[in-house]
Amino acid sequence: MRRSRHAKIVATIGPATVELDQLRALDLAGADTFRLNFSHGTKDDHARAFTAIRALEREFGRPIGVLQDLQGPKLRIGSLEEGELTLQAGETVRFVLDGARGGKQAIPLPHPEIFVAAYPGQNLLIDDGRVRLSLEKPGDGDMIARVIVGGTIRDQKGVNVPGALLDIYPLTKKDRDDLVFGLELGVDWVALSFVQKPSDLIEARALIGEAAGLVAKIETPMALDHIDDIIKLSDALMVARGDLGVEIPPENVPGRQKELIRACRMAAKPVIVATQMLDSMVAAPTPTRAEASDVATAIYDGADAVMLSAETANGAYPAEAVAMMDRIIRSTEQHRLYRSLIRAAQVDEEITPPHAVAAAGADLAATIEAKAIIGFTASGTTAARISRKRPPIPVLALTPDDIVARRMCLLWGVHSVVASDPSGHEEITRIAAVAAQREGYVRSGDLAVVVFGLPFGQIGATNNVRVAVC
């Protein structure tokens, strides 16, 4: 079940893919980690999908990651008198904090934090920016706004307030309940929506502890302003381009994506590029050429993983979408310019012995044309440090911990296997060689580079490199 590519695929589960046979098809097509989107579906739906994923894991005999994506605070307008309103460019409308069902002079907006943060000239975007307004007269309980770009709005459509630091926490009561449920299931990653500042991650970390990795979803300008600290406090990043592309000018999203991928690579933390990557495959069996180029761009940039959302959750061609993404990744990574672009984006080494040892192992393997780099890791950190180098040689990560093995399903180029730690020096080469041969990376007599830390099992103690003849 080893993949013939480095970048990973995250597939979202939904009504189209909740059953075991459907999930098996996604896995065989190339999905490495499955996303449970708690903005949709019931807990029973997610539990059934999780049980099926773990059954697949036992069937295939390899780790499969599960990412729980929390809904977060959703800003929405309330109910409208006729269920919808058509706003014309140039006209003025009124938003009210309190109101059951309203018209143009009493559009319900039940979010006091928006009224507090609003200022004259503030943009207000409805329905993913399809309708745009400018606030002319903010107030405590009502606001007057002028329509800049008109259109029809409907009940409960989403609202974005670009550039405003809203006094809201990313963990709602629903999120807290869902988080407890997800951790009881045993999810491997938890994605936190609507992160604005580093402190937003602290509460989530306190609730999660070490039970799962923490993914910060980057979808606001404020998060970009504090990105270095957010990366330090998280275990991975998701470039959530849907809301981010509404909150900042669309033309700025590609550059920001490149910056975020580079920053995560420098920190040796995985980064997922998400949203509308093969969106036309929700209804069509093939993507547009622009979508194929979009996926390829993320791969050329060095992203650890790319994600499918509606394509696999409720699309008509879920397995085909995964297979297409797999094909695009493999074709991109085999292109003659790929290695030169990856090398050009090489980040400076972190000046610590563990990072230097892992980097030396990756360089040594390339120099001697080893067939594999084998890393013993207790927490996944050694594998992440090797992956950071983006070596052209496969990385086989051996860990005694099932949870760590599943989390490494997000790491670029890493194939994770559950294996016992060596009891001494004499077992290092034997365990590494047996695992590498079993997984199909080496044959008898091939060279492999083994990276490990002494004493075994101590987190962060990457301090040894060994050349092994398998």
Protein backbone atom coordinates (compact mmCIF):
# COMPACT_ATOMS: atom_id res chain seq x y z
CA MET A 1 0.00 0.00 0.00
CA ARG A 2 2.99 2.37 -0.33
CA ARG A 3 2.27 5.46 -2.44
CA SER A 4 4.35 6.34 -5.48
CA ARG A 5 4.36 10.03 -4.55
CA HIS A 6 5.53 12.32 -1.75
CA ALA A 7 2.66 14.77 -1.14
CA LYS A 8 -0.36 13.42 0.71
CA ILE A 9 -4.11 13.57 0.01
CA VAL A 10 -6.78 14.48 2.58
CA ALA A 11 -10.30 13.41 1.60
CA THR A 12 -13.44 14.77 3.30
CA ILE A 13 -16.12 12.27 4.22
CA GLY A 14 -19.79 13.07 3.64
CA PRO A 15 -23.05 11.56 2.40
CA ALA A 16 -21.34 10.28 -0.77
CA THR A 17 -18.59 8.42 1.10
CA VAL A 18 -19.73 7.42 4.57
CA GLU A 19 -20.06 3.68 3.93
CA LEU A 20 -17.23 1.16 4.19
CA ASP A 21 -17.14 0.28 0.48
CA GLN A 22 -17.05 3.96 -0.47
CA LEU A 23 -14.24 4.66 1.97
CA ARG A 24 -12.31 1.66 0.70
CA ALA A 25 -12.58 3.07 -2.83
CA LEU A 26 -11.18 6.41 -1.65
CA ASP A 27 -8.31 4.72 0.15
CA LEU A 28 -7.43 2.58 -2.85
CA ALA A 29 -7.60 5.66 -5.07
CA GLY A 30 -4.99 7.35 -2.89
CA ALA A 31 -6.48 9.02 0.21
CA ASP A 32 -3.97 9.14 3.09
CA THR A 33 -6.00 10.97 5.76
CA PHE A 34 -9.77 11.30 6.11
CA ARG A 35 -11.45 14.52 7.26
CA LEU A 36 -14.60 14.49 9.38
CA ASN A 37 -16.27 17.86 8.80
CA PHE A 38 -18.29 18.69 11.92
CA SER A 39 -19.99 21.61 10.17
CA HIS A 40 -22.19 18.94 8.59
CA GLY A 41 -23.56 15.54 9.53
CA THR A 42 -24.53 14.00 12.84
CA LYS A 43 -22.35 12.43 15.48
CA ASP A 44 -23.72 9.05 14.47
CA ASP A 45 -22.60 9.70 10.89
CA HIS A 46 -19.08 10.59 12.04
CA ALA A 47 -18.90 7.63 14.41
CA ARG A 48 -19.94 5.24 11.65
CA ALA A 49 -17.32 6.68 9.31
CA PHE A 50 -14.63 6.52 11.98
CA THR A 51 -15.42 2.87 12.72
CA ALA A 52 -15.21 2.07 9.00
CA ILE A 53 -11.83 3.83 8.70
CA ARG A 54 -10.38 1.82 11.55
CA ALA A 55 -11.74 -1.35 9.92
CA LEU A 56 -9.93 -0.36 6.72
CA GLU A 57 -6.77 0.22 8.70
CA ARG A 58 -6.91 -3.34 10.01
CA GLU A 59 -7.77 -4.67 6.54
CA PHE A 60 -4.85 -2.94 4.82
CA GLY A 61 -2.41 -3.28 7.71
CA ARG A 62 -1.19 0.31 7.59
CA PRO A 63 -1.98 3.55 9.47
CA ILE A 64 -4.74 5.85 8.24
CA GLY A 65 -5.09 9.35 9.69
CA VAL A 66 -8.38 10.93 10.79
CA LEU A 67 -8.78 14.71 11.03
CA GLN A 68 -11.69 16.25 12.94
CA ASP A 69 -12.55 19.70 11.54
CA LEU A 70 -14.53 21.75 14.07
CA GLN A 71 -17.17 24.14 12.75
CA GLY A 72 -16.09 27.21 14.70
CA PRO A 73 -18.13 30.39 15.14
CA LYS A 74 -20.22 30.91 12.02
CA LEU A 75 -21.37 34.48 11.43
CA ARG A 76 -24.71 34.50 9.63
CA ILE A 77 -27.62 36.81 8.98
CA GLY A 78 -30.90 35.80 10.57
CA SER A 79 -34.26 34.98 8.98
CA LEU A 80 -35.77 37.24 6.35
CA GLU A 81 -39.46 38.07 5.86
CA GLU A 82 -39.82 36.25 2.55
CA GLY A 83 -36.85 33.98 3.05
CA GLU A 84 -34.74 36.13 0.76
CA LEU A 85 -34.03 39.75 -0.21
CA THR A 86 -32.72 41.27 -3.42
CA LEU A 87 -30.37 44.17 -2.71
CA GLN A 88 -29.65 46.76 -5.40
CA ALA A 89 -26.31 48.52 -5.74
CA GLY A 90 -26.50 52.04 -4.30
CA GLU A 91 -29.43 51.54 -1.94
CA THR A 92 -29.11 51.69 1.85
CA VAL A 93 -30.20 48.95 4.23
CA ARG A 94 -30.32 48.57 7.98
CA PHE A 95 -28.95 45.71 10.08
CA VAL A 96 -30.38 45.08 13.54
CA LEU A 97 -29.02 43.06 16.41
CA ASP A 98 -32.42 41.97 17.67
CA GLY A 99 -35.11 40.86 15.32
CA ALA A 100 -37.02 37.74 14.36
CA ARG A 101 -37.71 38.17 10.66
CA GLY A 102 -36.76 41.34 8.85
CA GLY A 103 -36.75 43.25 5.59
CA LYS A 104 -34.35 45.77 4.09
CA GLN A 105 -34.69 48.13 7.04
CA ALA A 106 -34.35 45.41 9.68
CA ILE A 107 -32.02 42.65 8.45
CA PRO A 108 -31.28 40.48 11.51
CA LEU A 109 -27.57 40.17 12.34
CA PRO A 110 -27.48 38.36 15.70
CA HIS A 111 -23.78 38.92 16.44
CA PRO A 112 -23.06 41.72 18.93
CA GLU A 113 -19.32 41.37 18.33
CA ILE A 114 -19.81 42.69 14.78
CA PHE A 115 -21.62 45.80 16.06
CA VAL A 116 -18.83 46.43 18.59
CA ALA A 117 -16.03 46.11 16.02
CA ALA A 118 -17.75 47.96 13.15
CA TYR A 119 -16.53 51.36 11.93
CA PRO A 120 -17.52 53.70 9.08
CA GLY A 121 -16.30 52.33 5.77
CA GLN A 122 -16.08 48.77 7.11
CA ASN A 123 -16.88 46.21 4.43
CA LEU A 124 -19.57 43.65 5.12
CA LEU A 125 -19.64 40.61 2.84
CA ILE A 126 -22.59 38.20 2.57
CA ASP A 127 -22.71 34.77 0.93
CA ASP A 128 -18.94 34.36 0.40
CA GLY A 129 -18.62 37.92 -0.88
CA ARG A 130 -21.28 37.69 -3.57
CA VAL A 131 -23.03 40.68 -1.95
CA ARG A 132 -20.83 43.52 -0.67
CA LEU A 133 -21.85 46.44 1.54
CA SER A 134 -20.06 49.36 3.16
CA LEU A 135 -21.07 50.50 6.65
CA GLU A 136 -22.04 54.17 6.74
CA LYS A 137 -23.40 54.48 10.26
CA PRO A 138 -22.38 51.85 12.84
CA GLY A 139 -24.32 51.63 16.06
CA ASP A 140 -24.80 49.56 19.21
CA GLY A 141 -27.92 47.76 18.05
CA ASP A 142 -28.38 48.82 14.46
CA MET A 143 -26.18 49.81 11.52
CA ILE A 144 -26.83 51.56 8.22
CA ALA A 145 -24.96 50.20 5.20
CA ARG A 146 -24.82 51.02 1.51
CA VAL A 147 -24.92 48.22 -1.04
CA ILE A 148 -21.79 48.23 -3.22
CA VAL A 149 -22.37 44.98 -5.09
CA GLY A 150 -25.98 43.84 -5.15
CA GLY A 151 -27.57 40.45 -5.33
CA THR A 152 -30.03 38.14 -3.60
CA ILE A 153 -29.40 37.10 -0.01
CA ARG A 154 -31.23 34.30 1.77
CA ASP A 155 -31.85 33.15 5.33
CA GLN A 156 -28.79 32.19 7.36
CA LYS A 157 -26.24 33.16 4.71
CA GLY A 158 -22.68 33.62 5.98
CA VAL A 159 -21.23 37.02 6.82
CA ASN A 160 -17.58 38.10 6.63
CA VAL A 161 -16.17 41.29 8.17
CA PRO A 162 -12.70 41.58 6.57
CA GLY A 163 -10.00 43.10 8.73
CA ALA A 164 -12.10 43.32 11.90
CA LEU A 165 -10.74 41.70 15.05
CA LEU A 166 -13.92 40.21 16.47
CA ASP A 167 -14.24 39.43 20.14
CA ILE A 168 -15.15 35.79 19.64
CA TYR A 169 -13.51 32.52 20.61
CA PRO A 170 -12.94 29.88 17.95
CA LEU A 171 -14.40 27.21 20.24
CA THR A 172 -18.19 27.43 20.53
CA LYS A 173 -20.31 25.26 22.84
CA LYS A 174 -20.99 22.99 19.87
CA ASP A 175 -17.26 22.77 19.18
CA ARG A 176 -16.53 21.82 22.77
CA ASP A 177 -19.13 19.04 22.65
CA ASP A 178 -17.85 17.86 19.28
CA LEU A 179 -14.26 17.94 20.51
CA VAL A 180 -15.04 15.72 23.49
CA PHE A 181 -16.83 13.36 21.14
CA GLY A 182 -13.96 13.32 18.64
CA LEU A 183 -11.32 12.68 21.27
CA GLU A 184 -13.41 9.83 22.68
CA LEU A 185 -13.53 8.34 19.18
CA GLY A 186 -9.77 8.69 18.89
CA VAL A 187 -9.22 11.23 16.09
CA ASP A 188 -5.59 11.93 15.23
CA TRP A 189 -5.88 15.63 14.35
CA VAL A 190 -8.24 18.44 15.40
CA ALA A 191 -8.59 21.45 13.08
CA LEU A 192 -9.55 24.72 14.76
CA SER A 193 -11.60 27.13 12.63
CA PHE A 194 -11.51 30.93 12.61
CA VAL A 195 -8.16 31.32 14.38
CA GLN A 196 -7.42 35.05 14.78
CA LYS A 197 -4.59 35.20 17.28
CA PRO A 198 -2.14 32.91 19.11
CA SER A 199 -4.19 32.87 22.31
CA ASP A 200 -7.04 31.20 20.41
CA LEU A 201 -4.92 28.06 20.27
CA ILE A 202 -4.09 27.95 23.96
CA GLU A 203 -7.60 27.01 25.10
CA ALA A 204 -7.85 24.32 22.43
CA ARG A 205 -4.46 22.92 23.42
CA ALA A 206 -5.54 22.75 27.05
CA LEU A 207 -8.60 20.70 26.08
CA ILE A 208 -6.81 18.43 23.62
CA GLY A 209 -3.53 17.92 25.45
CA GLU A 210 -1.46 15.34 23.62
CA ALA A 211 -4.46 13.23 22.58
CA ALA A 212 -4.41 14.67 19.05
CA GLY A 213 -2.41 17.05 16.89
CA LEU A 214 -3.72 20.63 16.66
CA VAL A 215 -4.25 22.12 13.19
CA ALA A 216 -4.70 25.89 12.90
CA LYS A 217 -6.93 26.87 9.98
CA ILE A 218 -5.68 30.08 8.40
CA GLU A 219 -8.69 31.98 7.04
CA THR A 220 -8.45 35.52 8.43
CA PRO A 221 -6.07 38.48 7.90
CA MET A 222 -5.51 38.63 11.64
CA ALA A 223 -4.11 35.10 11.62
CA LEU A 224 -1.68 36.13 8.89
CA ASP A 225 -0.54 39.04 11.06
CA HIS A 226 0.37 36.60 13.88
CA ILE A 227 1.43 33.64 11.76
CA ASP A 228 4.83 32.98 13.36
CA ASP A 229 3.35 32.58 16.84
CA ILE A 230 0.40 30.58 15.50
CA ILE A 231 2.78 28.13 13.84
CA LYS A 232 4.74 27.75 17.08
CA LEU A 233 1.58 26.92 19.05
CA SER A 234 0.10 24.50 16.51
CA ASP A 235 1.19 21.11 15.17
CA ALA A 236 0.10 21.78 11.58
CA LEU A 237 -1.54 24.44 9.41
CA MET A 238 -4.41 24.36 6.95
CA VAL A 239 -4.51 27.07 4.29
CA ALA A 240 -8.32 27.43 4.20
CA ARG A 241 -8.54 29.40 0.98
CA GLY A 242 -12.34 29.66 0.91
CA ASP A 243 -12.81 32.15 3.74
CA LEU A 244 -9.28 33.50 3.31
CA GLY A 245 -10.12 34.42 -0.29
CA VAL A 246 -13.12 36.37 0.95
CA GLU A 247 -11.31 38.08 3.82
CA ILE A 248 -8.34 39.21 1.69
CA PRO A 249 -8.22 40.17 -2.01
CA PRO A 250 -8.27 37.02 -4.17
CA GLU A 251 -5.14 38.12 -6.01
CA ASN A 252 -3.22 37.99 -2.71
CA VAL A 253 -4.13 34.37 -1.91
CA PRO A 254 -1.51 32.62 -4.13
CA GLY A 255 1.37 34.61 -2.61
CA ARG A 256 0.10 34.04 0.91
CA GLN A 257 -0.19 30.33 0.16
CA LYS A 258 3.48 30.19 -0.83
CA GLU A 259 4.50 32.12 2.31
CA LEU A 260 2.56 29.76 4.58
CA ILE A 261 3.98 26.63 2.96
CA ARG A 262 7.51 27.97 3.34
CA ALA A 263 6.95 29.02 6.96
CA CYS A 264 5.63 25.56 7.89
CA ARG A 265 8.50 23.85 6.09
CA MET A 266 10.93 25.99 8.05
CA ALA A 267 9.21 24.94 11.29
CA ALA A 268 9.12 21.25 10.22
CA LYS A 269 5.33 21.18 10.59
CA PRO A 270 2.91 19.84 7.96
CA VAL A 271 0.78 22.23 5.91
CA ILE A 272 -2.44 21.34 4.08
CA VAL A 273 -3.67 23.37 1.11
CA ALA A 274 -7.47 23.24 0.97
CA THR A 275 -10.68 24.43 -0.71
CA GLN A 276 -12.00 24.08 -4.26
CA MET A 277 -8.94 22.28 -5.57
CA LEU A 278 -10.95 20.11 -7.98
CA ASP A 279 -14.31 21.79 -7.41
CA SER A 280 -15.77 21.05 -10.84
CA MET A 281 -15.46 17.32 -10.05
CA VAL A 282 -18.37 17.68 -7.65
CA ALA A 283 -20.52 17.31 -10.76
CA ALA A 284 -18.12 16.35 -13.57
CA PRO A 285 -15.79 13.35 -14.02
CA THR A 286 -12.81 15.53 -14.95
CA PRO A 287 -11.42 18.79 -13.54
CA THR A 288 -10.78 22.02 -15.39
CA ARG A 289 -7.23 22.66 -16.56
CA ALA A 290 -7.05 25.57 -14.12
CA GLU A 291 -7.88 23.23 -11.22
CA ALA A 292 -5.20 20.76 -12.29
CA SER A 293 -2.73 23.65 -12.38
CA ASP A 294 -3.88 24.77 -8.93
CA VAL A 295 -3.11 21.36 -7.42
CA ALA A 296 0.22 21.23 -9.25
CA THR A 297 1.17 24.68 -7.95
CA ALA A 298 0.68 23.54 -4.35
CA ILE A 299 2.90 20.53 -5.08
CA TYR A 300 5.61 22.64 -6.73
CA ASP A 301 5.46 24.91 -3.65
CA GLY A 302 6.23 21.90 -1.45
CA ALA A 303 2.91 21.48 0.40
CA ASP A 304 2.72 18.40 2.62
CA ALA A 305 -0.88 17.66 1.67
CA VAL A 306 -3.70 18.82 -0.57
CA MET A 307 -7.33 18.41 0.43
CA LEU A 308 -10.61 17.52 -1.25
CA SER A 309 -13.81 18.85 0.32
CA ALA A 310 -17.17 18.71 -1.46
CA GLU A 311 -15.53 16.66 -4.21
CA THR A 312 -15.48 13.60 -1.94
CA ALA A 313 -18.08 14.59 0.67
CA ASN A 314 -21.10 14.93 -1.59
CA GLY A 315 -19.81 14.91 -5.14
CA ALA A 316 -20.88 12.53 -7.89
CA TYR A 317 -17.33 11.27 -8.50
CA PRO A 318 -15.53 10.96 -5.13
CA ALA A 319 -13.14 8.12 -5.95
CA GLU A 320 -12.41 9.64 -9.35
CA ALA A 321 -11.53 12.96 -7.68
CA VAL A 322 -9.01 11.26 -5.39
CA ALA A 323 -7.57 9.28 -8.30
CA MET A 324 -7.26 12.47 -10.36
CA MET A 325 -5.50 14.30 -7.54
CA ASP A 326 -3.16 11.33 -7.15
CA ARG A 327 -2.37 11.47 -10.88
CA ILE A 328 -1.72 15.22 -10.80
CA ILE A 329 0.63 14.87 -7.82
CA ARG A 330 2.58 12.00 -9.37
CA SER A 331 2.88 13.75 -12.72
CA THR A 332 4.04 16.97 -11.06
CA GLU A 333 6.61 15.25 -8.87
CA GLN A 334 8.00 13.42 -11.91
CA HIS A 335 8.33 16.58 -13.98
CA ARG A 336 11.91 17.53 -14.86
CA LEU A 337 11.59 20.95 -13.17
CA TYR A 338 10.12 19.65 -9.90
CA ARG A 339 13.36 18.89 -8.04
CA SER A 340 14.96 22.18 -9.05
CA LEU A 341 11.95 24.13 -7.80
CA ILE A 342 11.89 22.20 -4.53
CA ARG A 343 15.62 22.83 -4.05
CA ALA A 344 15.15 26.51 -4.83
CA ALA A 345 12.62 26.72 -2.01
CA GLN A 346 14.98 24.99 0.43
CA VAL A 347 14.84 26.63 3.85
CA ASP A 348 17.82 27.29 6.09
CA GLU A 349 18.60 24.60 8.64
CA GLU A 350 17.56 25.21 12.21
CA ILE A 351 20.69 25.44 14.31
CA THR A 352 20.05 22.54 16.67
CA PRO A 353 21.73 19.12 16.81
CA PRO A 354 18.51 17.13 16.10
CA HIS A 355 17.72 19.17 12.97
CA ALA A 356 21.33 19.01 11.80
CA VAL A 357 21.49 15.24 12.27
CA ALA A 358 18.22 14.67 10.38
CA ALA A 359 19.37 16.97 7.56
CA ALA A 360 22.72 15.19 7.41
CA GLY A 361 20.93 11.86 7.13
CA ALA A 362 18.85 13.11 4.20
CA ASP A 363 21.92 14.54 2.44
CA LEU A 364 23.96 11.39 3.07
CA ALA A 365 21.24 9.19 1.62
CA ALA A 366 21.17 11.28 -1.55
CA THR A 367 24.96 11.27 -1.85
CA ILE A 368 25.35 7.49 -1.60
CA GLU A 369 22.14 6.87 -3.59
CA ALA A 370 20.55 4.91 -0.77
CA LYS A 371 17.21 3.28 -1.49
CA ALA A 372 15.55 4.62 1.65
CA ILE A 373 15.93 6.81 4.71
CA ILE A 374 14.69 4.96 7.79
CA GLY A 375 13.87 7.00 10.88
CA PHE A 376 13.07 5.65 14.33
CA THR A 377 10.75 8.17 15.99
CA ALA A 378 8.79 8.29 19.24
CA SER A 379 6.79 11.44 18.47
CA GLY A 380 7.11 11.86 14.71
CA THR A 381 9.57 14.73 15.11
CA THR A 382 12.52 12.87 13.57
CA ALA A 383 10.42 12.05 10.50
CA ALA A 384 9.26 15.68 10.26
CA ARG A 385 12.85 16.90 10.38
CA ILE A 386 13.84 14.56 7.57
CA SER A 387 10.73 15.47 5.57
CA ARG A 388 11.65 19.14 5.94
CA LYS A 389 14.57 18.53 3.59
CA ARG A 390 12.20 17.19 0.89
CA PRO A 391 14.66 14.39 -0.03
CA PRO A 392 14.19 12.57 -3.35
CA ILE A 393 14.54 9.27 -1.47
CA PRO A 394 11.59 7.56 0.29
CA VAL A 395 11.35 8.09 4.05
CA LEU A 396 10.24 5.13 6.15
CA ALA A 397 9.26 6.17 9.69
CA LEU A 398 9.20 3.47 12.38
CA THR A 399 7.36 4.17 15.62
CA PRO A 400 5.98 2.01 18.44
CA ASP A 401 2.94 4.32 18.77
CA ASP A 402 -0.19 3.81 16.60
CA ILE A 403 -1.28 7.42 17.13
CA VAL A 404 2.07 8.82 16.00
CA ALA A 405 2.03 6.56 12.93
CA ARG A 406 -1.39 7.92 11.95
CA ARG A 407 -0.37 11.55 12.42
CA MET A 408 2.60 11.02 10.13
CA CYS A 409 0.15 10.27 7.30
CA LEU A 410 0.18 14.06 6.74
CA LEU A 411 3.96 14.37 6.39
CA TRP A 412 5.45 14.88 2.94
CA GLY A 413 7.26 11.78 1.68
CA VAL A 414 6.84 9.78 4.89
CA HIS A 415 5.54 6.21 4.94
CA SER A 416 4.82 5.32 8.57
CA VAL A 417 4.92 1.84 10.08
CA VAL A 418 4.27 0.63 13.62
CA ALA A 419 7.37 -1.22 14.86
CA SER A 420 9.07 -1.84 18.18
CA ASP A 421 12.08 0.22 19.22
CA PRO A 422 15.43 -1.59 19.15
CA SER A 423 16.56 -2.88 22.53
CA GLY A 424 20.16 -2.05 21.65
CA HIS A 425 22.59 -1.02 18.94
CA GLU A 426 22.77 -4.48 17.41
CA GLU A 427 19.05 -4.47 16.64
CA ILE A 428 18.95 -1.13 14.84
CA THR A 429 20.02 -2.39 11.42
CA ARG A 430 18.01 -5.61 11.71
CA ILE A 431 14.69 -3.93 12.57
CA ALA A 432 15.24 -1.22 9.96
CA ALA A 433 16.16 -3.70 7.22
CA VAL A 434 13.26 -6.05 7.97
CA ALA A 435 10.74 -3.19 7.89
CA ALA A 436 12.18 -1.65 4.71
CA GLN A 437 12.19 -5.01 2.88
CA ARG A 438 8.66 -5.82 4.05
CA GLU A 439 7.38 -2.45 2.81
CA GLY A 440 9.10 -2.87 -0.55
CA TYR A 441 11.68 -0.10 -0.27
CA VAL A 442 14.86 -2.19 -0.36
CA ARG A 443 16.17 -5.57 -1.42
CA SER A 444 18.91 -7.62 0.17
CA GLY A 445 22.24 -5.82 -0.22
CA ASP A 446 20.74 -2.34 -0.81
CA LEU A 447 21.99 0.66 1.15
CA ALA A 448 19.76 2.56 3.55
CA VAL A 449 20.46 5.44 5.90
CA VAL A 450 19.08 5.01 9.42
CA VAL A 451 18.39 8.06 11.61
CA PHE A 452 17.60 7.61 15.29
CA GLY A 453 18.09 8.98 18.76
CA LEU A 454 19.72 7.59 21.86
CA PRO A 455 18.40 6.70 24.34
CA PHE A 456 15.56 5.08 22.36
CA GLY A 457 12.08 6.40 23.03
CA GLN A 458 13.22 9.82 24.21
CA ILE A 459 11.30 12.50 22.33
CA GLY A 460 13.43 14.99 20.39
CA ALA A 461 16.74 13.16 20.82
CA THR A 462 17.69 12.71 17.15
CA ASN A 463 21.46 12.30 17.42
CA ASN A 464 22.64 9.34 15.32
CA VAL A 465 23.02 8.46 11.63
CA ARG A 466 24.03 5.02 10.40
CA VAL A 467 24.53 3.54 6.93
CA ALA A 468 23.03 0.08 6.80
CA VAL A 469 23.45 -2.72 4.26
CA CYS A 470 20.06 -4.42 4.16
